[in-house]
Amino acid sequence: MLGGVRRQLALMYKFSKSEGELIFRVPLPVGPWLKVKEAGVTEVLLEEFVLKPLLALNSLSPTAELYRLKRKIMDSPINYQAFLVADVYLVSFDGHLFKLPASCDFILAADVIKQTFSIALKSVRFKRRSLEVQMQNTMIAIHPNGEVEINCQVTQIPYTNHEVAIRKDGNIIEVSNERGLRVSCDHHLEVCSAILDGWLHGVSTGLLGTNDNEAANELLLPDGSYTHSVLQFTHSWQVDSECASRKAEICQNGTADSLSCKFLFSSTNSPLSPCFRVVDPVQFTLKCEGLECIRDERADVSRPDFCTLASAYIHLCHRSYVPLELPVQCGQ
């Protein structure tokens, strides 16, 4: 019986490896089907159930599918990770992308159950904001130049006390405690990440969101209510109420940036494309297409803004076990 099925299938298609062609023959029943054919239903059915699946199969990237499978096999809710890129973009515990107003100070994360930790973004004396991590009675400030202060005193690392451990590995500075919180910053790549172990499920709130795997309650305000407005959500976690965001101007080279955005986050030839099936690039594309030029004394124009977005996307991919590197046009 199996041999008969194979013979029938062999009659339905012809594959030519040398020509790179696949020809399908779909037999149609006679009788009432002829009236359906006149209505054009045949073409619609063939397009929906034969041609579209074949086109989708043709566009698949084996590498991307391999990483997608790897993510499904290896991913587990053992810990929760969020990160900040160049003190401008943050990716929450649930994978949502936000752009922060410049110059303002924010609460990124805080323990709402036992008040054992908090993570804040603060303006100090550098062009970029510093990360301040409070662990019990110890305050650690990680500055953009790699300098570390403990309780307002510049400190050499490694450093350990009964509340916190700080170590350095190359460009990476890591702050951790025994309760399951780890904060690491790479001042060379301008990326800081916050990792909460599984037993801290649901204890954190702030701009990095709630670490409970519930995307619906991501926009939680300090008073415990929810909002659908990203602007209200961002403003509610602002520390300095007097802060005014710097004014933006329309980019003169918007076309070039737009082309770069489309290539980086949409093209199958993009160096980021192996991750497209693992991490949906849509929200990064939308943010990238809405880029603005910032003109003030704090602006750093040495690297295009879309490269900062690419860096955020790459680190989200790394979290999903997809190895990517920064595109060559963004430098190192």
C-alpha atoms as a PDB file:
ATOM      1  CA  MET A   1       0.000   0.000   0.000  1.00  0.00           C
ATOM      2  CA  LEU A   2       2.850   2.379   0.883  1.00  0.00           C
ATOM      3  CA  GLY A   3       4.420   1.752  -2.500  1.00  0.00           C
ATOM      4  CA  GLY A   4       1.160   2.741  -4.196  1.00  0.00           C
ATOM      5  CA  VAL A   5       1.033   6.013  -2.285  1.00  0.00           C
ATOM      6  CA  ARG A   6       4.611   6.790  -3.287  1.00  0.00           C
ATOM      7  CA  ARG A   7       3.770   6.138  -6.944  1.00  0.00           C
ATOM      8  CA  GLN A   8       0.788   8.497  -6.742  1.00  0.00           C
ATOM      9  CA  LEU A   9       2.949  11.201  -5.158  1.00  0.00           C
ATOM     10  CA  ALA A  10       5.624  10.704  -7.806  1.00  0.00           C
ATOM     11  CA  LEU A  11       3.014  11.415 -10.473  1.00  0.00           C
ATOM     12  CA  MET A  12       2.046  14.697  -8.790  1.00  0.00           C
ATOM     13  CA  TYR A  13       5.409  16.442  -8.915  1.00  0.00           C
ATOM     14  CA  LYS A  14       8.635  16.512 -10.869  1.00  0.00           C
ATOM     15  CA  PHE A  15      11.843  17.837  -9.377  1.00  0.00           C
ATOM     16  CA  SER A  16      14.781  18.848 -11.584  1.00  0.00           C
ATOM     17  CA  LYS A  17      17.937  19.495  -9.583  1.00  0.00           C
ATOM     18  CA  SER A  18      19.892  20.660 -12.627  1.00  0.00           C
ATOM     19  CA  GLU A  19      17.197  23.164 -13.657  1.00  0.00           C
ATOM     20  CA  GLY A  20      16.310  24.147 -10.087  1.00  0.00           C
ATOM     21  CA  GLU A  21      12.627  23.503 -10.796  1.00  0.00           C
ATOM     22  CA  LEU A  22       9.779  21.837  -8.955  1.00  0.00           C
ATOM     23  CA  ILE A  23       6.676  21.186 -11.074  1.00  0.00           C
ATOM     24  CA  PHE A  24       3.379  20.220  -9.411  1.00  0.00           C
ATOM     25  CA  ARG A  25       0.451  18.481 -11.084  1.00  0.00           C
ATOM     26  CA  VAL A  26      -2.803  18.747  -9.135  1.00  0.00           C
ATOM     27  CA  PRO A  27      -5.586  16.557 -10.581  1.00  0.00           C
ATOM     28  CA  LEU A  28      -9.052  18.110 -10.288  1.00  0.00           C
ATOM     29  CA  PRO A  29     -12.284  16.102 -10.095  1.00  0.00           C
ATOM     30  CA  VAL A  30     -14.779  16.367 -12.925  1.00  0.00           C
ATOM     31  CA  GLY A  31     -18.470  17.136 -12.671  1.00  0.00           C
ATOM     32  CA  PRO A  32     -19.504  19.786 -10.125  1.00  0.00           C
ATOM     33  CA  TRP A  33     -15.902  21.000  -9.815  1.00  0.00           C
ATOM     34  CA  LEU A  34     -16.120  22.549 -13.292  1.00  0.00           C
ATOM     35  CA  LYS A  35     -18.591  25.154 -11.986  1.00  0.00           C
ATOM     36  CA  VAL A  36     -16.209  25.969  -9.119  1.00  0.00           C
ATOM     37  CA  LYS A  37     -13.410  26.385 -11.637  1.00  0.00           C
ATOM     38  CA  GLU A  38     -15.431  28.957 -13.546  1.00  0.00           C
ATOM     39  CA  ALA A  39     -15.778  31.001 -10.333  1.00  0.00           C
ATOM     40  CA  GLY A  40     -11.993  31.221  -9.971  1.00  0.00           C
ATOM     41  CA  VAL A  41     -11.919  29.220  -6.743  1.00  0.00           C
ATOM     42  CA  THR A  42      -9.299  26.828  -8.120  1.00  0.00           C
ATOM     43  CA  GLU A  43      -6.713  29.547  -8.521  1.00  0.00           C
ATOM     44  CA  VAL A  44      -7.380  30.834  -5.013  1.00  0.00           C
ATOM     45  CA  LEU A  45      -7.022  27.370  -3.458  1.00  0.00           C
ATOM     46  CA  LEU A  46      -3.838  26.640  -5.375  1.00  0.00           C
ATOM     47  CA  GLU A  47      -2.324  29.959  -4.330  1.00  0.00           C
ATOM     48  CA  GLU A  48      -3.260  29.590  -0.646  1.00  0.00           C
ATOM     49  CA  PHE A  49      -2.447  25.914  -0.096  1.00  0.00           C
ATOM     50  CA  VAL A  50       0.292  25.211  -2.647  1.00  0.00           C
ATOM     51  CA  LEU A  51       2.090  28.316  -3.902  1.00  0.00           C
ATOM     52  CA  LYS A  52       2.293  30.314  -0.645  1.00  0.00           C
ATOM     53  CA  PRO A  53       3.684  27.399   1.414  1.00  0.00           C
ATOM     54  CA  LEU A  54       6.244  26.722  -1.327  1.00  0.00           C
ATOM     55  CA  LEU A  55       7.319  30.378  -1.428  1.00  0.00           C
ATOM     56  CA  ALA A  56       7.593  30.442   2.364  1.00  0.00           C
ATOM     57  CA  LEU A  57       9.710  27.274   2.246  1.00  0.00           C
ATOM     58  CA  ASN A  58      11.956  28.843  -0.375  1.00  0.00           C
ATOM     59  CA  SER A  59      12.600  31.900   1.833  1.00  0.00           C
ATOM     60  CA  LEU A  60      13.523  29.897   4.932  1.00  0.00           C
ATOM     61  CA  SER A  61      17.014  30.201   6.298  1.00  0.00           C
ATOM     62  CA  PRO A  62      18.360  26.859   7.607  1.00  0.00           C
ATOM     63  CA  THR A  63      20.547  28.770  10.072  1.00  0.00           C
ATOM     64  CA  ALA A  64      17.608  30.765  11.415  1.00  0.00           C
ATOM     65  CA  GLU A  65      15.477  27.635  11.774  1.00  0.00           C
ATOM     66  CA  LEU A  66      18.314  25.893  13.623  1.00  0.00           C
ATOM     67  CA  TYR A  67      18.579  28.752  16.130  1.00  0.00           C
ATOM     68  CA  ARG A  68      14.797  28.799  16.517  1.00  0.00           C
ATOM     69  CA  LEU A  69      14.836  25.098  17.397  1.00  0.00           C
ATOM     70  CA  LYS A  70      17.772  25.647  19.756  1.00  0.00           C
ATOM     71  CA  ARG A  71      15.820  28.387  21.558  1.00  0.00           C
ATOM     72  CA  LYS A  72      12.842  26.072  22.058  1.00  0.00           C
ATOM     73  CA  ILE A  73      15.061  23.296  23.420  1.00  0.00           C
ATOM     74  CA  MET A  74      17.250  25.402  25.717  1.00  0.00           C
ATOM     75  CA  ASP A  75      14.986  28.223  26.866  1.00  0.00           C
ATOM     76  CA  SER A  76      13.637  27.960  30.386  1.00  0.00           C
ATOM     77  CA  PRO A  77      12.287  30.359  33.048  1.00  0.00           C
ATOM     78  CA  ILE A  78      15.342  29.814  35.293  1.00  0.00           C
ATOM     79  CA  ASN A  79      16.056  33.528  35.361  1.00  0.00           C
ATOM     80  CA  TYR A  80      14.782  36.839  34.035  1.00  0.00           C
ATOM     81  CA  GLN A  81      16.975  39.230  32.075  1.00  0.00           C
ATOM     82  CA  ALA A  82      16.551  42.821  30.949  1.00  0.00           C
ATOM     83  CA  PHE A  83      19.148  45.236  29.636  1.00  0.00           C
ATOM     84  CA  LEU A  84      19.993  48.826  28.847  1.00  0.00           C
ATOM     85  CA  VAL A  85      21.946  49.951  25.769  1.00  0.00           C
ATOM     86  CA  ALA A  86      23.899  53.225  25.684  1.00  0.00           C
ATOM     87  CA  ASP A  87      21.572  54.603  28.409  1.00  0.00           C
ATOM     88  CA  VAL A  88      19.006  55.233  25.646  1.00  0.00           C
ATOM     89  CA  TYR A  89      17.230  51.959  24.804  1.00  0.00           C
ATOM     90  CA  LEU A  90      16.067  49.350  27.254  1.00  0.00           C
ATOM     91  CA  VAL A  91      14.617  45.901  26.718  1.00  0.00           C
ATOM     92  CA  SER A  92      12.308  44.797  29.524  1.00  0.00           C
ATOM     93  CA  PHE A  93      12.093  41.393  31.207  1.00  0.00           C
ATOM     94  CA  ASP A  94       9.302  40.514  28.768  1.00  0.00           C
ATOM     95  CA  GLY A  95      11.290  41.645  25.712  1.00  0.00           C
ATOM     96  CA  HIS A  96       9.599  45.003  25.060  1.00  0.00           C
ATOM     97  CA  LEU A  97      11.746  47.772  23.616  1.00  0.00           C
ATOM     98  CA  PHE A  98      11.574  51.315  25.030  1.00  0.00           C
ATOM     99  CA  LYS A  99      13.461  54.501  24.234  1.00  0.00           C
ATOM    100  CA  LEU A 100      14.241  56.651  27.264  1.00  0.00           C
ATOM    101  CA  PRO A 101      14.058  60.443  27.323  1.00  0.00           C
ATOM    102  CA  ALA A 102      17.552  61.886  27.445  1.00  0.00           C
ATOM    103  CA  SER A 103      19.109  63.390  30.566  1.00  0.00           C
ATOM    104  CA  CYS A 104      16.339  62.311  32.979  1.00  0.00           C
ATOM    105  CA  ASP A 105      16.858  59.961  35.932  1.00  0.00           C
ATOM    106  CA  PHE A 106      14.752  56.798  36.253  1.00  0.00           C
ATOM    107  CA  ILE A 107      14.020  53.833  38.489  1.00  0.00           C
ATOM    108  CA  LEU A 108      14.721  50.791  36.320  1.00  0.00           C
ATOM    109  CA  ALA A 109      13.912  48.053  38.823  1.00  0.00           C
ATOM    110  CA  ALA A 110      13.086  47.728  42.511  1.00  0.00           C
ATOM    111  CA  ASP A 111      12.119  44.965  44.925  1.00  0.00           C
ATOM    112  CA  VAL A 112       8.507  45.722  45.884  1.00  0.00           C
ATOM    113  CA  ILE A 113       8.236  42.804  48.311  1.00  0.00           C
ATOM    114  CA  LYS A 114      11.181  43.131  50.728  1.00  0.00           C
ATOM    115  CA  GLN A 115      12.895  46.274  49.356  1.00  0.00           C
ATOM    116  CA  THR A 116      16.233  44.430  49.134  1.00  0.00           C
ATOM    117  CA  PHE A 117      17.421  46.083  45.912  1.00  0.00           C
ATOM    118  CA  SER A 118      16.877  48.894  43.446  1.00  0.00           C
ATOM    119  CA  ILE A 119      18.485  49.832  40.121  1.00  0.00           C
ATOM    120  CA  ALA A 120      18.406  53.433  38.919  1.00  0.00           C
ATOM    121  CA  LEU A 121      19.746  55.428  35.993  1.00  0.00           C
ATOM    122  CA  LYS A 122      21.276  58.681  37.232  1.00  0.00           C
ATOM    123  CA  SER A 123      22.961  61.710  35.646  1.00  0.00           C
ATOM    124  CA  VAL A 124      26.270  62.394  37.358  1.00  0.00           C
ATOM    125  CA  ARG A 125      29.280  64.018  35.686  1.00  0.00           C
ATOM    126  CA  PHE A 126      29.545  62.088  32.428  1.00  0.00           C
ATOM    127  CA  LYS A 127      27.930  62.482  29.014  1.00  0.00           C
ATOM    128  CA  ARG A 128      26.051  59.233  29.591  1.00  0.00           C
ATOM    129  CA  ARG A 129      24.131  58.381  32.724  1.00  0.00           C
ATOM    130  CA  SER A 130      25.481  56.073  35.403  1.00  0.00           C
ATOM    131  CA  LEU A 131      23.857  52.972  36.812  1.00  0.00           C
ATOM    132  CA  GLU A 132      23.212  53.004  40.566  1.00  0.00           C
ATOM    133  CA  VAL A 133      22.553  49.677  42.260  1.00  0.00           C
ATOM    134  CA  GLN A 134      21.311  49.617  45.849  1.00  0.00           C
ATOM    135  CA  MET A 135      21.717  46.279  47.637  1.00  0.00           C
ATOM    136  CA  GLN A 136      20.516  46.518  51.221  1.00  0.00           C
ATOM    137  CA  ASN A 137      22.776  49.196  52.769  1.00  0.00           C
ATOM    138  CA  THR A 138      25.389  49.188  49.980  1.00  0.00           C
ATOM    139  CA  MET A 139      25.134  51.681  47.106  1.00  0.00           C
ATOM    140  CA  ILE A 140      27.170  50.862  43.990  1.00  0.00           C
ATOM    141  CA  ALA A 141      27.554  53.351  41.144  1.00  0.00           C
ATOM    142  CA  ILE A 142      28.843  52.024  37.817  1.00  0.00           C
ATOM    143  CA  HIS A 143      29.958  54.904  35.604  1.00  0.00           C
ATOM    144  CA  PRO A 144      30.220  54.869  31.772  1.00  0.00           C
ATOM    145  CA  ASN A 145      34.039  55.014  31.921  1.00  0.00           C
ATOM    146  CA  GLY A 146      34.201  51.800  33.956  1.00  0.00           C
ATOM    147  CA  GLU A 147      34.794  53.551  37.272  1.00  0.00           C
ATOM    148  CA  VAL A 148      32.998  52.052  40.297  1.00  0.00           C
ATOM    149  CA  GLU A 149      31.944  53.873  43.455  1.00  0.00           C
ATOM    150  CA  ILE A 150      30.766  52.165  46.634  1.00  0.00           C
ATOM    151  CA  ASN A 151      28.875  54.399  49.050  1.00  0.00           C
ATOM    152  CA  CYS A 152      30.192  57.475  47.172  1.00  0.00           C
ATOM    153  CA  GLN A 153      33.843  56.330  47.338  1.00  0.00           C
ATOM    154  CA  VAL A 154      35.810  55.279  44.223  1.00  0.00           C
ATOM    155  CA  THR A 155      36.783  51.661  44.847  1.00  0.00           C
ATOM    156  CA  GLN A 156      39.176  49.200  43.265  1.00  0.00           C
ATOM    157  CA  ILE A 157      37.661  45.890  42.309  1.00  0.00           C
ATOM    158  CA  PRO A 158      37.292  43.031  43.034  1.00  0.00           C
ATOM    159  CA  TYR A 159      35.363  43.996  46.146  1.00  0.00           C
ATOM    160  CA  THR A 160      33.283  41.914  48.575  1.00  0.00           C
ATOM    161  CA  ASN A 161      31.271  42.521  51.727  1.00  0.00           C
ATOM    162  CA  HIS A 162      28.448  40.601  53.426  1.00  0.00           C
ATOM    163  CA  GLU A 163      25.860  42.165  51.065  1.00  0.00           C
ATOM    164  CA  VAL A 164      27.503  42.360  47.664  1.00  0.00           C
ATOM    165  CA  ALA A 165      30.301  40.991  45.474  1.00  0.00           C
ATOM    166  CA  ILE A 166      31.857  43.010  42.631  1.00  0.00           C
ATOM    167  CA  ARG A 167      34.263  41.571  40.091  1.00  0.00           C
ATOM    168  CA  LYS A 168      35.733  42.566  36.746  1.00  0.00           C
ATOM    169  CA  ASP A 169      36.387  40.357  33.745  1.00  0.00           C
ATOM    170  CA  GLY A 170      37.925  42.307  30.852  1.00  0.00           C
ATOM    171  CA  ASN A 171      35.507  45.134  30.031  1.00  0.00           C
ATOM    172  CA  ILE A 172      32.671  43.607  32.063  1.00  0.00           C
ATOM    173  CA  ILE A 173      31.901  44.697  35.622  1.00  0.00           C
ATOM    174  CA  GLU A 174      29.502  42.427  37.512  1.00  0.00           C
ATOM    175  CA  VAL A 175      27.690  43.213  40.754  1.00  0.00           C
ATOM    176  CA  SER A 176      25.841  40.379  42.504  1.00  0.00           C
ATOM    177  CA  ASN A 177      24.405  39.263  45.824  1.00  0.00           C
ATOM    178  CA  GLU A 178      23.388  35.958  47.356  1.00  0.00           C
ATOM    179  CA  ARG A 179      19.693  36.728  46.909  1.00  0.00           C
ATOM    180  CA  GLY A 180      19.791  36.163  43.135  1.00  0.00           C
ATOM    181  CA  LEU A 181      20.398  39.591  41.595  1.00  0.00           C
ATOM    182  CA  ARG A 182      23.188  40.180  39.076  1.00  0.00           C
ATOM    183  CA  VAL A 183      23.929  43.454  37.313  1.00  0.00           C
ATOM    184  CA  SER A 184      26.680  43.566  34.711  1.00  0.00           C
ATOM    185  CA  CYS A 185      27.954  46.396  32.510  1.00  0.00           C
ATOM    186  CA  ASP A 186      30.255  46.319  29.510  1.00  0.00           C
ATOM    187  CA  HIS A 187      31.441  49.910  29.113  1.00  0.00           C
ATOM    188  CA  HIS A 188      33.086  49.073  25.772  1.00  0.00           C
ATOM    189  CA  LEU A 189      29.809  47.846  24.211  1.00  0.00           C
ATOM    190  CA  GLU A 190      27.749  50.286  26.321  1.00  0.00           C
ATOM    191  CA  VAL A 191      25.434  47.536  27.532  1.00  0.00           C
ATOM    192  CA  CYS A 192      24.202  46.851  31.071  1.00  0.00           C
ATOM    193  CA  SER A 193      22.043  43.862  31.983  1.00  0.00           C
ATOM    194  CA  ALA A 194      19.992  42.952  35.037  1.00  0.00           C
ATOM    195  CA  ILE A 195      19.384  39.277  35.803  1.00  0.00           C
ATOM    196  CA  LEU A 196      16.991  38.002  38.469  1.00  0.00           C
ATOM    197  CA  ASP A 197      17.024  34.345  39.479  1.00  0.00           C
ATOM    198  CA  GLY A 198      13.841  32.299  39.312  1.00  0.00           C
ATOM    199  CA  TRP A 199      13.056  32.463  43.044  1.00  0.00           C
ATOM    200  CA  LEU A 200      12.728  36.260  42.696  1.00  0.00           C
ATOM    201  CA  HIS A 201       9.713  35.726  40.404  1.00  0.00           C
ATOM    202  CA  GLY A 202       7.367  38.705  40.430  1.00  0.00           C
ATOM    203  CA  VAL A 203       9.252  40.807  42.987  1.00  0.00           C
ATOM    204  CA  SER A 204      10.502  43.543  40.647  1.00  0.00           C
ATOM    205  CA  THR A 205       8.817  46.581  39.194  1.00  0.00           C
ATOM    206  CA  GLY A 206      10.084  49.678  37.373  1.00  0.00           C
ATOM    207  CA  LEU A 207      10.908  50.606  33.792  1.00  0.00           C
ATOM    208  CA  LEU A 208      12.315  47.116  33.204  1.00  0.00           C
ATOM    209  CA  GLY A 209       8.843  45.751  33.836  1.00  0.00           C
ATOM    210  CA  THR A 210       7.562  42.965  36.050  1.00  0.00           C
ATOM    211  CA  ASN A 211       9.548  39.726  36.045  1.00  0.00           C
ATOM    212  CA  ASP A 212       6.533  37.407  36.031  1.00  0.00           C
ATOM    213  CA  ASN A 213       6.321  36.349  32.344  1.00  0.00           C
ATOM    214  CA  GLU A 214       3.038  38.281  32.003  1.00  0.00           C
ATOM    215  CA  ALA A 215       3.273  40.758  29.126  1.00  0.00           C
ATOM    216  CA  ALA A 216      -0.181  42.171  29.950  1.00  0.00           C
ATOM    217  CA  ASN A 217       0.978  43.852  33.176  1.00  0.00           C
ATOM    218  CA  GLU A 218       4.215  45.237  31.768  1.00  0.00           C
ATOM    219  CA  LEU A 219       3.182  48.899  32.081  1.00  0.00           C
ATOM    220  CA  LEU A 220       2.773  48.914  35.860  1.00  0.00           C
ATOM    221  CA  LEU A 221       2.796  52.313  37.577  1.00  0.00           C
ATOM    222  CA  PRO A 222       4.363  52.982  41.012  1.00  0.00           C
ATOM    223  CA  ASP A 223       0.919  53.139  42.646  1.00  0.00           C
ATOM    224  CA  GLY A 224       0.102  49.596  41.471  1.00  0.00           C
ATOM    225  CA  SER A 225      -2.259  50.616  38.663  1.00  0.00           C
ATOM    226  CA  TYR A 226      -1.744  49.920  34.970  1.00  0.00           C
ATOM    227  CA  THR A 227      -1.587  52.132  31.913  1.00  0.00           C
ATOM    228  CA  HIS A 228      -1.661  51.654  28.154  1.00  0.00           C
ATOM    229  CA  SER A 229       0.410  54.789  27.594  1.00  0.00           C
ATOM    230  CA  VAL A 230       4.167  54.247  27.246  1.00  0.00           C
ATOM    231  CA  LEU A 231       4.685  57.982  27.833  1.00  0.00           C
ATOM    232  CA  GLN A 232       2.782  57.895  31.140  1.00  0.00           C
ATOM    233  CA  PHE A 233       4.574  54.703  32.152  1.00  0.00           C
ATOM    234  CA  THR A 234       8.005  56.204  31.450  1.00  0.00           C
ATOM    235  CA  HIS A 235       7.212  59.494  33.193  1.00  0.00           C
ATOM    236  CA  SER A 236       5.859  57.717  36.293  1.00  0.00           C
ATOM    237  CA  TRP A 237       9.240  56.099  37.003  1.00  0.00           C
ATOM    238  CA  GLN A 238      11.132  59.347  36.512  1.00  0.00           C
ATOM    239  CA  VAL A 239      13.047  60.371  39.644  1.00  0.00           C
ATOM    240  CA  ASP A 240      13.543  64.070  38.916  1.00  0.00           C
ATOM    241  CA  SER A 241      10.139  65.570  38.174  1.00  0.00           C
ATOM    242  CA  GLU A 242      11.744  68.838  36.987  1.00  0.00           C
ATOM    243  CA  CYS A 243      13.694  67.069  34.239  1.00  0.00           C
ATOM    244  CA  ALA A 244      12.957  68.222  30.704  1.00  0.00           C
ATOM    245  CA  SER A 245      13.903  66.020  27.774  1.00  0.00           C
ATOM    246  CA  ARG A 246      16.257  67.572  25.262  1.00  0.00           C
ATOM    247  CA  LYS A 247      14.686  68.779  22.071  1.00  0.00           C
ATOM    248  CA  ALA A 248      14.940  66.687  18.940  1.00  0.00           C
ATOM    249  CA  GLU A 249      15.448  67.820  15.362  1.00  0.00           C
ATOM    250  CA  ILE A 250      14.532  66.075  12.153  1.00  0.00           C
ATOM    251  CA  CYS A 251      17.465  64.197  10.670  1.00  0.00           C
ATOM    252  CA  GLN A 252      18.849  65.676   7.481  1.00  0.00           C
ATOM    253  CA  ASN A 253      20.134  62.234   6.465  1.00  0.00           C
ATOM    254  CA  GLY A 254      16.854  60.493   7.265  1.00  0.00           C
ATOM    255  CA  THR A 255      16.841  58.656   3.934  1.00  0.00           C
ATOM    256  CA  ALA A 256      20.204  57.033   4.596  1.00  0.00           C
ATOM    257  CA  ASP A 257      19.130  56.029   8.128  1.00  0.00           C
ATOM    258  CA  SER A 258      15.846  54.676   6.789  1.00  0.00           C
ATOM    259  CA  LEU A 259      17.678  52.552   4.246  1.00  0.00           C
ATOM    260  CA  SER A 260      20.008  51.257   6.944  1.00  0.00           C
ATOM    261  CA  CYS A 261      17.026  50.431   9.159  1.00  0.00           C
ATOM    262  CA  LYS A 262      15.297  48.511   6.408  1.00  0.00           C
ATOM    263  CA  PHE A 263      18.460  46.590   5.573  1.00  0.00           C
ATOM    264  CA  LEU A 264      19.387  45.754   9.181  1.00  0.00           C
ATOM    265  CA  PHE A 265      15.972  44.658  10.422  1.00  0.00           C
ATOM    266  CA  SER A 266      14.191  43.407   7.284  1.00  0.00           C
ATOM    267  CA  SER A 267      16.599  42.199   4.620  1.00  0.00           C
ATOM    268  CA  THR A 268      17.429  38.514   4.260  1.00  0.00           C
ATOM    269  CA  ASN A 269      21.002  39.675   3.575  1.00  0.00           C
ATOM    270  CA  SER A 270      21.237  41.481   6.902  1.00  0.00           C
ATOM    271  CA  PRO A 271      23.893  40.172   9.329  1.00  0.00           C
ATOM    272  CA  LEU A 272      21.040  40.096  11.872  1.00  0.00           C
ATOM    273  CA  SER A 273      18.790  37.856   9.734  1.00  0.00           C
ATOM    274  CA  PRO A 274      19.771  34.523  11.407  1.00  0.00           C
ATOM    275  CA  CYS A 275      17.849  35.781  14.447  1.00  0.00           C
ATOM    276  CA  PHE A 276      14.709  37.021  12.684  1.00  0.00           C
ATOM    277  CA  ARG A 277      12.846  33.744  13.287  1.00  0.00           C
ATOM    278  CA  VAL A 278      13.854  33.748  16.958  1.00  0.00           C
ATOM    279  CA  VAL A 279      13.444  37.407  17.954  1.00  0.00           C
ATOM    280  CA  ASP A 280      10.823  39.338  15.994  1.00  0.00           C
ATOM    281  CA  PRO A 281      12.532  42.511  14.666  1.00  0.00           C
ATOM    282  CA  VAL A 282       9.270  44.431  14.064  1.00  0.00           C
ATOM    283  CA  GLN A 283       9.460  46.677  17.156  1.00  0.00           C
ATOM    284  CA  PHE A 284      13.104  47.461  16.354  1.00  0.00           C
ATOM    285  CA  THR A 285      12.177  48.347  12.773  1.00  0.00           C
ATOM    286  CA  LEU A 286       9.450  50.730  13.958  1.00  0.00           C
ATOM    287  CA  LYS A 287      11.766  52.403  16.464  1.00  0.00           C
ATOM    288  CA  CYS A 288      14.513  52.644  13.861  1.00  0.00           C
ATOM    289  CA  GLU A 289      12.275  54.252  11.248  1.00  0.00           C
ATOM    290  CA  GLY A 290      11.286  56.898  13.783  1.00  0.00           C
ATOM    291  CA  LEU A 291      14.839  57.918  14.658  1.00  0.00           C
ATOM    292  CA  GLU A 292      15.464  61.564  15.406  1.00  0.00           C
ATOM    293  CA  CYS A 293      18.632  63.585  15.416  1.00  0.00           C
ATOM    294  CA  ILE A 294      19.623  64.895  18.818  1.00  0.00           C
ATOM    295  CA  ARG A 295      21.548  68.166  18.860  1.00  0.00           C
ATOM    296  CA  ASP A 296      23.012  69.294  22.198  1.00  0.00           C
ATOM    297  CA  GLU A 297      26.197  69.214  24.231  1.00  0.00           C
ATOM    298  CA  ARG A 298      25.512  65.670  25.470  1.00  0.00           C
ATOM    299  CA  ALA A 299      24.920  64.168  22.023  1.00  0.00           C
ATOM    300  CA  ASP A 300      27.379  61.555  20.886  1.00  0.00           C
ATOM    301  CA  VAL A 301      27.420  61.486  17.077  1.00  0.00           C
ATOM    302  CA  SER A 302      30.306  59.065  16.765  1.00  0.00           C
ATOM    303  CA  ARG A 303      27.941  56.167  16.138  1.00  0.00           C
ATOM    304  CA  PRO A 304      24.615  56.177  14.223  1.00  0.00           C
ATOM    305  CA  ASP A 305      21.541  55.668  16.379  1.00  0.00           C
ATOM    306  CA  PHE A 306      20.470  52.632  14.360  1.00  0.00           C
ATOM    307  CA  CYS A 307      23.693  50.946  15.484  1.00  0.00           C
ATOM    308  CA  THR A 308      22.617  51.383  19.098  1.00  0.00           C
ATOM    309  CA  LEU A 309      19.335  49.712  18.192  1.00  0.00           C
ATOM    310  CA  ALA A 310      21.235  46.936  16.416  1.00  0.00           C
ATOM    311  CA  SER A 311      23.290  46.436  19.557  1.00  0.00           C
ATOM    312  CA  ALA A 312      20.087  46.089  21.614  1.00  0.00           C
ATOM    313  CA  TYR A 313      18.707  43.556  19.135  1.00  0.00           C
ATOM    314  CA  ILE A 314      21.954  41.573  19.160  1.00  0.00           C
ATOM    315  CA  HIS A 315      21.934  41.281  22.942  1.00  0.00           C
ATOM    316  CA  LEU A 316      18.327  40.112  22.876  1.00  0.00           C
ATOM    317  CA  CYS A 317      19.417  37.474  20.357  1.00  0.00           C
ATOM    318  CA  HIS A 318      22.338  36.450  22.572  1.00  0.00           C
ATOM    319  CA  ARG A 319      19.807  35.850  25.337  1.00  0.00           C
ATOM    320  CA  SER A 320      18.061  33.471  22.929  1.00  0.00           C
ATOM    321  CA  TYR A 321      21.312  31.617  22.111  1.00  0.00           C
ATOM    322  CA  VAL A 322      21.812  33.186  18.669  1.00  0.00           C
ATOM    323  CA  PRO A 323      25.429  34.355  18.186  1.00  0.00           C
ATOM    324  CA  LEU A 324      25.545  37.642  16.292  1.00  0.00           C
ATOM    325  CA  GLU A 325      28.120  40.385  15.935  1.00  0.00           C
ATOM    326  CA  LEU A 326      27.714  44.125  15.450  1.00  0.00           C
ATOM    327  CA  PRO A 327      27.376  44.994  11.716  1.00  0.00           C
ATOM    328  CA  VAL A 328      30.623  46.240  10.140  1.00  0.00           C
ATOM    329  CA  GLN A 329      29.072  49.617   9.304  1.00  0.00           C
ATOM    330  CA  CYS A 330      28.651  50.217  13.033  1.00  0.00           C
ATOM    331  CA  GLY A 331      32.316  49.605  13.840  1.00  0.00           C
ATOM    332  CA  GLN A 332      33.447  47.808  16.968  1.00  0.00           C
END
